N, C-alpha and C. Protein backbone atom coordinates (compact mmCIF):
# COMPACT_ATOMS: atom_id res chain seq x y z
N GLU A 1 26.75 14.11 -17.89
CA GLU A 1 27.19 12.38 -18.32
C GLU A 1 27.03 11.69 -17.34
N VAL A 2 28.25 11.61 -16.20
CA VAL A 2 28.41 10.89 -15.06
C VAL A 2 27.14 11.28 -14.20
N HIS A 3 27.16 12.00 -14.08
CA HIS A 3 26.05 12.99 -13.03
C HIS A 3 24.68 12.58 -13.29
N GLN A 4 24.48 12.67 -14.91
CA GLN A 4 22.91 12.20 -15.08
C GLN A 4 22.53 10.37 -15.21
N ILE A 5 23.80 9.72 -14.93
CA ILE A 5 23.58 8.74 -14.41
C ILE A 5 23.85 8.03 -13.00
N LEU A 6 24.03 9.01 -11.91
CA LEU A 6 24.07 8.80 -10.76
C LEU A 6 22.51 9.43 -10.11
N LYS A 7 22.23 10.36 -10.84
CA LYS A 7 20.72 10.69 -10.69
C LYS A 7 19.68 9.60 -11.06
N ASP A 8 19.83 9.21 -11.93
CA ASP A 8 18.89 8.30 -12.49
C ASP A 8 18.95 7.29 -11.67
N ARG A 9 19.87 6.43 -11.22
CA ARG A 9 20.39 6.04 -10.43
C ARG A 9 19.67 5.96 -9.32
N LEU A 10 19.88 6.73 -8.28
CA LEU A 10 19.14 7.41 -7.17
C LEU A 10 18.14 7.25 -7.11
N THR A 11 17.53 8.15 -8.11
CA THR A 11 15.94 8.01 -8.36
C THR A 11 15.46 6.37 -8.37
N LEU A 12 15.75 5.42 -9.13
CA LEU A 12 15.36 4.07 -9.30
C LEU A 12 15.56 3.44 -7.54
N TYR A 13 16.95 3.53 -7.36
CA TYR A 13 16.73 2.87 -6.02
C TYR A 13 15.94 3.61 -5.49
N GLU A 14 15.73 4.76 -5.20
CA GLU A 14 14.30 5.66 -4.56
C GLU A 14 13.23 4.53 -4.13
N LYS A 15 12.84 4.87 -5.52
CA LYS A 15 11.74 3.69 -5.94
C LYS A 15 11.23 2.47 -5.13
N GLN A 16 12.53 2.09 -5.28
CA GLN A 16 12.61 0.50 -5.24
C GLN A 16 12.33 0.51 -2.98
N PHE A 17 12.96 1.30 -2.86
CA PHE A 17 13.18 1.36 -1.08
C PHE A 17 11.50 1.73 -0.90
N ASN A 18 11.02 2.83 -1.59
CA ASN A 18 9.78 3.57 -1.18
C ASN A 18 8.63 2.04 -1.70
N ASN A 19 9.10 1.63 -1.96
CA ASN A 19 8.02 0.32 -2.97
C ASN A 19 7.97 -1.06 -1.52
N ILE A 20 9.42 -0.92 -1.19
CA ILE A 20 9.66 -1.95 -0.07
C ILE A 20 9.64 -1.72 1.23
N LEU A 21 9.68 -0.60 1.47
CA LEU A 21 8.85 0.29 2.22
C LEU A 21 7.14 0.32 2.41
N ARG A 22 6.22 0.57 1.49
CA ARG A 22 5.25 0.57 1.23
C ARG A 22 4.61 -0.90 1.93
N ASN A 23 5.40 -2.35 0.65
CA ASN A 23 5.06 -3.58 1.65
C ASN A 23 5.22 -3.85 2.68
N GLU A 24 6.27 -3.74 3.47
CA GLU A 24 6.21 -3.96 5.08
C GLU A 24 5.46 -3.53 5.83
N LEU A 25 4.93 -2.11 5.79
CA LEU A 25 3.81 -1.50 6.37
C LEU A 25 2.75 -2.20 5.90
N SER A 26 2.40 -2.88 5.08
CA SER A 26 1.01 -3.05 4.84
C SER A 26 0.97 -5.13 5.01
N THR A 27 2.10 -5.20 4.56
CA THR A 27 2.31 -6.64 5.61
C THR A 27 2.07 -6.15 7.15
N PHE A 28 2.13 -5.54 7.47
CA PHE A 28 2.88 -5.31 9.48
C PHE A 28 1.02 -5.07 9.81
N ASP A 29 0.52 -4.08 8.74
CA ASP A 29 -0.75 -3.57 8.91
C ASP A 29 -1.78 -4.97 9.08
N SER A 30 -1.55 -5.94 7.75
CA SER A 30 -2.11 -6.78 8.03
C SER A 30 -1.89 -8.13 8.99
N LEU A 31 -0.81 -8.01 9.83
CA LEU A 31 -0.07 -8.96 10.68
C LEU A 31 -1.17 -8.30 12.01
N MET A 32 -1.06 -7.15 11.56
CA MET A 32 -2.25 -6.54 13.56
C MET A 32 -3.52 -6.73 12.86
N LYS A 33 -4.11 -6.17 12.11
CA LYS A 33 -5.28 -6.45 11.85
C LYS A 33 -5.82 -8.29 12.45
N THR A 34 -4.74 -9.09 11.23
CA THR A 34 -4.85 -10.49 11.92
C THR A 34 -5.08 -10.77 13.44
N HIS A 35 -4.20 -10.23 13.62
CA HIS A 35 -4.04 -10.98 15.27
C HIS A 35 -4.77 -9.70 16.28
N ASN A 36 -6.00 -9.19 16.41
CA ASN A 36 -6.36 -8.00 16.52
C ASN A 36 -5.79 -7.05 17.63
N LEU A 37 -4.65 -6.65 17.26
CA LEU A 37 -3.93 -6.09 17.93
C LEU A 37 -4.16 -4.56 18.00
N THR A 38 -4.42 -4.33 17.31
CA THR A 38 -5.36 -2.55 16.58
C THR A 38 -5.58 -1.71 18.12
N GLY A 39 -6.76 -3.11 18.86
CA GLY A 39 -7.26 -2.35 19.82
C GLY A 39 -6.72 -1.91 20.96
N ILE A 40 -5.97 -3.12 21.36
CA ILE A 40 -4.95 -3.12 21.84
C ILE A 40 -3.60 -2.07 21.70
N ILE A 41 -3.44 -1.45 21.12
CA ILE A 41 -2.56 -0.46 20.71
C ILE A 41 -3.19 1.16 20.92
N THR A 42 -4.82 0.88 21.21
CA THR A 42 -5.64 2.40 20.74
C THR A 42 -5.85 2.55 22.33
N GLU A 43 -5.87 1.45 22.96
CA GLU A 43 -6.77 1.70 24.89
C GLU A 43 -5.27 2.33 25.16
N ASP A 44 -5.80 2.41 26.53
CA ASP A 44 -4.74 3.14 27.10
C ASP A 44 -4.86 1.88 28.26
């Protein structure tokens, strides 16, 4: 009983964390494009 509740809770936290991470990455990607920093990084 308790074990299942903990498993469900963990799954929920994992989903939330993944969503936050995905949002952060897309925001970062947008910033990079906005400031045109993608070229700087790929250049030698």
